[in-house]
């Protein structure tokens, strides 16, 4: 079997070059002797998967993708279009959805991640009904602070308006935040509405802080501008001094960590998370290429999994040495 190649999004202004956001990864891959192809991300999201993969050589064999997020349904079309050209994605559509969307991975990581519940919802359906929200609040215990997101992303940069619920027992407040969140997500609402417990984590300066645990930033999930990290850099959640929680992103391939680094929002931060309890959970999930974001508890009691993601659409922090990760992918 040939070594896997890697697919990158093409630059919309110059389809023969990688998208500028991923150009440094593509350059590193070339230096390692790896093979790459370009795909048209805009065409894929527009429903033309065959056009999206037109530049991929026929019968090229196994492939990884490294690029902007893709809604799960479009990823399935992506997989089929590549199969029609004699190529196969090493992350299946089912595996992608399991790692990319919270309901796909939550049961495996329950107890190691903030408690969560969700309401399936299509973008055309509007906000959930009052009875649905009340039932979801009850499933989270009925009181305390929470975060609103969809299956993939939050609106963390509209924190008070469309993300943070100070008290779940205030159902009117829950309804307002959820309604605004759904309105802002619009057609990019991914899967449904999630209510997720708000937890405190240690901050780089030593103070307690919080995070909503969202790997994929804020903004419209899966839209043309929606990438692995399309939110601006900065602290996630509320914090007195603006410093980010102590957080690490771990890249896993076939159940083993191949890269541990900072979160892309804070590329200068360093952390050394304890992976002892996380490794068996990643293996139980059964997805080949995933990321976990881990945050240190404010009380010093250990590390918490704040998000799981598909490794193909999770961003790398600027300045990190990605050669080991890319070498592992093309040797898989």
Protein backbone atom coordinates (compact mmCIF):
# COMPACT_ATOMS: atom_id res chain seq x y z
CA UNK A 1 0.00 0.00 0.00
CA UNK A 2 1.36 3.48 -0.84
CA UNK A 3 2.13 5.95 1.92
CA UNK A 4 -0.82 8.21 2.73
CA UNK A 5 -0.95 11.62 1.07
CA UNK A 6 -2.49 14.68 2.72
CA UNK A 7 -5.25 16.87 1.31
CA UNK A 8 -5.14 20.62 1.95
CA UNK A 9 -7.71 23.28 0.99
CA UNK A 10 -6.74 25.25 -2.09
CA UNK A 11 -6.29 29.00 -1.98
CA UNK A 12 -9.61 30.42 -3.28
CA UNK A 13 -7.65 33.08 -5.20
CA UNK A 14 -5.08 30.65 -6.62
CA UNK A 15 -6.42 27.07 -6.76
CA UNK A 16 -2.98 25.64 -7.54
CA UNK A 17 -1.63 26.71 -4.15
CA UNK A 18 -2.62 25.70 -0.61
CA UNK A 19 -4.82 28.04 1.37
CA UNK A 20 -2.48 30.53 3.10
CA UNK A 21 -3.58 29.31 6.54
CA UNK A 22 -2.20 25.83 5.78
CA UNK A 23 0.71 26.80 3.53
CA UNK A 24 3.30 26.25 6.26
CA UNK A 25 1.99 22.73 6.94
CA UNK A 26 2.07 21.95 3.22
CA UNK A 27 5.63 23.28 2.99
CA UNK A 28 6.72 21.14 5.95
CA UNK A 29 5.13 18.09 4.34
CA UNK A 30 7.04 18.70 1.10
CA UNK A 31 10.28 18.99 3.04
CA UNK A 32 9.52 15.59 4.60
CA UNK A 33 8.99 14.06 1.16
CA UNK A 34 5.24 13.62 1.61
CA UNK A 35 2.68 13.82 -1.17
CA UNK A 36 -0.17 16.33 -1.13
CA UNK A 37 -3.23 17.29 -3.15
CA UNK A 38 -5.52 20.31 -3.07
CA UNK A 39 -9.29 20.34 -2.65
CA UNK A 40 -11.85 23.09 -3.22
CA UNK A 41 -13.43 23.66 0.20
CA UNK A 42 -15.96 26.17 -1.15
CA UNK A 43 -17.19 23.71 -3.79
CA UNK A 44 -17.51 21.01 -1.14
CA UNK A 45 -19.70 23.19 1.07
CA UNK A 46 -21.72 24.22 -1.99
CA UNK A 47 -22.65 20.57 -2.54
CA UNK A 48 -20.33 19.79 -5.46
CA UNK A 49 -18.02 17.19 -3.94
CA UNK A 50 -16.91 15.89 -7.35
CA UNK A 51 -15.66 19.35 -8.32
CA UNK A 52 -14.06 19.76 -4.90
CA UNK A 53 -11.76 16.76 -5.44
CA UNK A 54 -11.06 17.32 -9.14
CA UNK A 55 -7.35 18.02 -8.50
CA UNK A 56 -6.84 14.76 -6.59
CA UNK A 57 -5.03 12.19 -8.72
CA UNK A 58 -7.10 9.10 -9.53
CA UNK A 59 -6.18 5.88 -7.72
CA UNK A 60 -3.85 7.76 -5.38
CA UNK A 61 -4.63 5.50 -2.43
CA UNK A 62 -5.00 6.44 1.26
CA UNK A 63 -5.51 10.06 2.30
CA UNK A 64 -5.67 12.28 5.35
CA UNK A 65 -7.28 15.72 5.27
CA UNK A 66 -5.85 18.79 7.01
CA UNK A 67 -8.04 21.81 6.59
CA UNK A 68 -11.09 23.85 7.41
CA UNK A 69 -13.99 22.23 9.17
CA UNK A 70 -16.53 20.33 7.11
CA UNK A 71 -20.10 19.60 8.27
CA UNK A 72 -20.59 15.88 8.82
CA UNK A 73 -23.01 15.46 5.90
CA UNK A 74 -20.60 17.19 3.52
CA UNK A 75 -17.75 15.06 4.82
CA UNK A 76 -19.73 11.95 3.85
CA UNK A 77 -20.10 13.35 0.31
CA UNK A 78 -16.37 14.14 0.35
CA UNK A 79 -15.59 10.52 1.22
CA UNK A 80 -17.83 9.20 -1.58
CA UNK A 81 -16.36 11.57 -4.19
CA UNK A 82 -12.83 10.47 -3.31
CA UNK A 83 -13.83 6.81 -3.42
CA UNK A 84 -15.16 7.41 -6.94
CA UNK A 85 -11.61 8.49 -7.87
CA UNK A 86 -10.05 5.39 -6.33
CA UNK A 87 -8.90 7.16 -3.16
CA UNK A 88 -9.88 6.49 0.44
CA UNK A 89 -9.98 8.79 3.42
CA UNK A 90 -8.35 7.14 6.42
CA UNK A 91 -10.94 8.80 8.65
CA UNK A 92 -14.36 7.51 7.61
CA UNK A 93 -17.46 9.68 7.65
CA UNK A 94 -18.70 7.83 10.73
CA UNK A 95 -15.36 8.29 12.48
CA UNK A 96 -15.28 11.97 11.59
CA UNK A 97 -18.72 12.58 13.08
CA UNK A 98 -17.82 10.66 16.24
CA UNK A 99 -14.82 12.86 16.98
CA UNK A 100 -16.08 16.13 15.51
CA UNK A 101 -19.52 16.38 17.14
CA UNK A 102 -20.01 16.30 20.91
CA UNK A 103 -22.75 13.62 20.96
CA UNK A 104 -20.36 11.29 19.11
CA UNK A 105 -17.68 11.32 21.81
CA UNK A 106 -19.46 12.40 24.98
CA UNK A 107 -20.54 8.98 26.26
CA UNK A 108 -16.96 7.69 26.12
CA UNK A 109 -15.57 10.72 27.97
CA UNK A 110 -18.45 11.23 30.41
CA UNK A 111 -17.03 11.79 33.87
CA UNK A 112 -13.77 13.16 32.47
CA UNK A 113 -15.40 16.19 30.82
CA UNK A 114 -17.96 18.79 31.98
CA UNK A 115 -21.50 17.34 32.19
CA UNK A 116 -23.48 18.08 29.03
CA UNK A 117 -26.86 17.51 27.45
CA UNK A 118 -28.22 18.40 24.03
CA UNK A 119 -31.33 18.99 21.95
CA UNK A 120 -31.18 17.99 18.25
CA UNK A 121 -32.20 20.95 16.10
CA UNK A 122 -32.00 21.90 12.43
CA UNK A 123 -31.11 25.47 11.40
CA UNK A 124 -34.60 25.90 9.96
CA UNK A 125 -36.37 24.85 13.16
CA UNK A 126 -35.67 27.99 15.19
CA UNK A 127 -34.97 27.83 18.91
CA UNK A 128 -35.92 24.80 21.05
CA UNK A 129 -39.28 24.94 22.78
CA UNK A 130 -39.64 25.94 26.42
CA UNK A 131 -40.45 22.37 27.47
CA UNK A 132 -37.37 21.03 25.68
CA UNK A 133 -35.15 23.59 27.41
CA UNK A 134 -36.69 22.88 30.81
CA UNK A 135 -36.07 19.15 30.37
CA UNK A 136 -32.46 19.79 29.32
CA UNK A 137 -31.91 22.01 32.36
CA UNK A 138 -33.32 19.29 34.59
CA UNK A 139 -30.91 16.75 33.09
CA UNK A 140 -28.03 19.03 34.19
CA UNK A 141 -29.35 19.20 37.74
CA UNK A 142 -31.58 22.24 37.41
CA UNK A 143 -29.24 24.91 38.77
CA UNK A 144 -25.78 26.42 38.47
CA UNK A 145 -23.96 28.13 35.57
CA UNK A 146 -23.69 26.65 32.08
CA UNK A 147 -22.45 27.25 28.55
CA UNK A 148 -24.55 27.18 25.37
CA UNK A 149 -23.04 25.79 22.16
CA UNK A 150 -23.94 23.54 19.26
CA UNK A 151 -22.47 20.12 18.53
CA UNK A 152 -19.22 21.74 17.36
CA UNK A 153 -18.84 25.39 18.36
CA UNK A 154 -19.80 28.13 20.78
CA UNK A 155 -20.20 31.89 20.47
CA UNK A 156 -17.56 32.53 23.13
CA UNK A 157 -16.85 36.03 21.87
CA UNK A 158 -20.49 36.97 22.46
CA UNK A 159 -20.11 35.61 25.97
CA UNK A 160 -22.94 37.31 27.89
CA UNK A 161 -25.22 37.55 24.88
CA UNK A 162 -25.06 34.08 23.34
CA UNK A 163 -22.84 31.78 25.39
CA UNK A 164 -22.94 32.05 29.20
CA UNK A 165 -25.94 31.23 31.40
CA UNK A 166 -25.25 32.39 35.00
CA UNK A 167 -28.03 30.28 36.53
CA UNK A 168 -29.87 27.39 34.91
CA UNK A 169 -32.87 27.75 37.23
CA UNK A 170 -33.61 31.07 35.50
CA UNK A 171 -35.35 29.49 32.52
CA UNK A 172 -36.12 32.86 30.96
CA UNK A 173 -32.40 33.65 30.88
CA UNK A 174 -31.63 30.22 29.43
CA UNK A 175 -34.20 30.84 26.71
CA UNK A 176 -32.78 34.27 25.84
CA UNK A 177 -29.20 33.03 25.52
CA UNK A 178 -30.22 29.97 23.50
CA UNK A 179 -32.44 32.03 21.21
CA UNK A 180 -29.64 34.51 20.52
CA UNK A 181 -27.12 31.72 19.99
CA UNK A 182 -29.36 29.99 17.44
CA UNK A 183 -30.01 33.31 15.71
CA UNK A 184 -26.29 34.10 15.39
CA UNK A 185 -25.36 30.60 14.22
CA UNK A 186 -28.04 30.77 11.55
CA UNK A 187 -27.53 28.28 8.72
CA UNK A 188 -24.27 27.12 10.32
CA UNK A 189 -25.93 25.66 13.42
CA UNK A 190 -24.30 22.23 13.77
CA UNK A 191 -26.56 19.41 14.93
CA UNK A 192 -28.44 21.09 17.73
CA UNK A 193 -28.12 23.02 20.99
CA UNK A 194 -25.85 21.81 23.80
CA UNK A 195 -25.98 22.89 27.44
CA UNK A 196 -22.64 22.28 29.11
CA UNK A 197 -21.63 22.79 32.74
CA UNK A 198 -19.40 25.80 33.38
CA UNK A 199 -16.27 24.79 35.31
CA UNK A 200 -13.31 26.59 36.86
CA UNK A 201 -9.74 25.98 35.71
CA UNK A 202 -6.37 27.34 36.74
CA UNK A 203 -5.09 30.31 34.76
CA UNK A 204 -1.55 30.95 33.64
CA UNK A 205 -1.16 33.69 36.25
CA UNK A 206 -2.28 31.39 39.05
CA UNK A 207 -5.85 32.68 39.39
CA UNK A 208 -8.93 30.55 38.94
CA UNK A 209 -10.60 30.93 35.58
CA UNK A 210 -13.08 29.18 33.38
CA UNK A 211 -13.37 27.77 29.92
CA UNK A 212 -16.24 26.42 27.92
CA UNK A 213 -13.98 23.71 26.59
CA UNK A 214 -14.50 24.52 22.92
CA UNK A 215 -11.66 23.33 20.71
CA UNK A 216 -13.07 24.97 17.66
CA UNK A 217 -13.46 28.55 18.76
CA UNK A 218 -16.46 30.74 18.17
CA UNK A 219 -18.51 31.64 15.16
CA UNK A 220 -20.59 29.73 12.66
CA UNK A 221 -19.73 26.06 12.76
CA UNK A 222 -18.67 24.67 9.42
CA UNK A 223 -19.31 27.77 7.31
CA UNK A 224 -16.88 29.05 4.70
CA UNK A 225 -15.13 31.12 7.36
CA UNK A 226 -15.42 28.38 9.94
CA UNK A 227 -12.08 26.69 10.33
CA UNK A 228 -10.22 24.71 12.91
CA UNK A 229 -9.77 27.92 14.93
CA UNK A 230 -11.65 30.82 13.43
CA UNK A 231 -12.06 32.82 16.63
CA UNK A 232 -9.56 35.55 17.44
CA UNK A 233 -6.94 34.74 20.03
CA UNK A 234 -7.69 35.56 23.63
CA UNK A 235 -9.01 34.18 26.86
CA UNK A 236 -11.92 31.80 26.59
CA UNK A 237 -14.66 32.28 29.11
CA UNK A 238 -14.71 34.76 31.97
CA UNK A 239 -11.61 35.77 33.81
CA UNK A 240 -10.57 38.55 36.11
CA UNK A 241 -7.17 39.30 34.59
CA UNK A 242 -7.74 38.18 30.99
CA UNK A 243 -5.26 35.31 31.20
CA UNK A 244 -6.20 32.02 29.59
CA UNK A 245 -6.73 28.78 31.46
CA UNK A 246 -3.71 26.48 31.58
CA UNK A 247 -4.56 24.28 28.63
CA UNK A 248 -2.88 21.82 26.29
CA UNK A 249 -3.85 20.27 22.97
CA UNK A 250 -2.86 16.64 22.47
CA UNK A 251 -2.78 14.99 19.05
CA UNK A 252 -3.47 11.25 19.02
CA UNK A 253 -2.88 8.75 16.23
CA UNK A 254 -4.08 5.17 16.68
CA UNK A 255 -4.45 5.71 20.42
CA UNK A 256 -0.99 7.16 21.04
CA UNK A 257 -0.06 10.82 21.63
CA UNK A 258 2.16 12.05 18.80
CA UNK A 259 2.21 15.77 19.65
CA UNK A 260 1.52 17.72 22.85
CA UNK A 261 1.44 21.49 22.60
CA UNK A 262 -0.39 24.65 23.60
CA UNK A 263 -3.86 25.63 22.49
CA UNK A 264 -3.70 27.70 19.25
CA UNK A 265 -5.25 30.69 21.04
CA UNK A 266 -2.20 30.84 23.35
CA UNK A 267 0.76 29.49 21.36
CA UNK A 268 3.30 30.77 23.88
CA UNK A 269 1.81 28.88 26.80
CA UNK A 270 3.42 25.67 28.05
CA UNK A 271 1.72 22.79 29.84
CA UNK A 272 2.54 19.17 30.59
CA UNK A 273 -0.77 17.35 31.08
CA UNK A 274 -1.08 13.96 32.71
CA UNK A 275 -2.38 11.63 29.99
CA UNK A 276 -2.74 8.52 32.14
CA UNK A 277 -6.52 8.65 32.34
CA UNK A 278 -7.05 10.04 28.85
CA UNK A 279 -5.24 7.39 26.82
CA UNK A 280 -7.77 4.57 27.49
CA UNK A 281 -10.66 6.92 26.66
CA UNK A 282 -9.12 7.90 23.33
CA UNK A 283 -8.59 4.24 22.52
CA UNK A 284 -12.17 3.42 23.51
CA UNK A 285 -13.47 6.10 21.14
CA UNK A 286 -11.92 4.10 18.30
CA UNK A 287 -11.13 7.03 15.99
CA UNK A 288 -7.69 6.96 14.39
CA UNK A 289 -6.76 10.66 14.40
CA UNK A 290 -8.16 12.90 17.13
CA UNK A 291 -7.27 15.77 19.42
CA UNK A 292 -8.09 16.37 23.06
CA UNK A 293 -7.92 19.74 24.78
CA UNK A 294 -7.07 19.40 28.46
CA UNK A 295 -7.32 22.07 31.15
CA UNK A 296 -5.88 22.06 34.66
CA UNK A 297 -8.44 22.19 37.47
CA UNK A 298 -8.38 25.32 39.61
CA UNK A 299 -8.19 23.24 42.81
CA UNK A 300 -5.07 21.42 41.58
CA UNK A 301 -6.82 18.04 41.47
CA UNK A 302 -5.75 17.17 37.93
CA UNK A 303 -6.65 17.64 34.29
CA UNK A 304 -10.05 17.80 32.64
CA UNK A 305 -10.93 16.94 29.03
CA UNK A 306 -12.63 20.10 27.84
CA UNK A 307 -13.04 19.07 24.21
CA UNK A 308 -12.42 16.26 21.74
CA UNK A 309 -12.00 16.93 18.04
CA UNK A 310 -11.21 15.27 14.75
CA UNK A 311 -7.49 15.74 14.15
CA UNK A 312 -8.01 16.64 10.50
CA UNK A 313 -9.80 19.91 11.34
CA UNK A 314 -8.11 20.91 14.62
CA UNK A 315 -5.71 23.80 14.26
CA UNK A 316 -2.02 23.77 15.10
CA UNK A 317 -0.55 26.65 17.12
CA UNK A 318 1.74 28.91 15.17
CA UNK A 319 5.41 28.23 15.76
CA UNK A 320 5.04 24.59 16.78
CA UNK A 321 7.21 21.94 15.14
CA UNK A 322 4.66 19.83 13.25
CA UNK A 323 7.20 17.61 11.50
CA UNK A 324 6.73 14.73 13.94
CA UNK A 325 2.95 14.83 13.56
CA UNK A 326 3.10 14.95 9.76
CA UNK A 327 5.72 12.20 9.67
CA UNK A 328 3.43 10.00 11.75
CA UNK A 329 0.49 10.66 9.43
CA UNK A 330 2.31 9.73 6.23
CA UNK A 331 3.74 6.62 7.90
CA UNK A 332 0.37 5.42 9.24
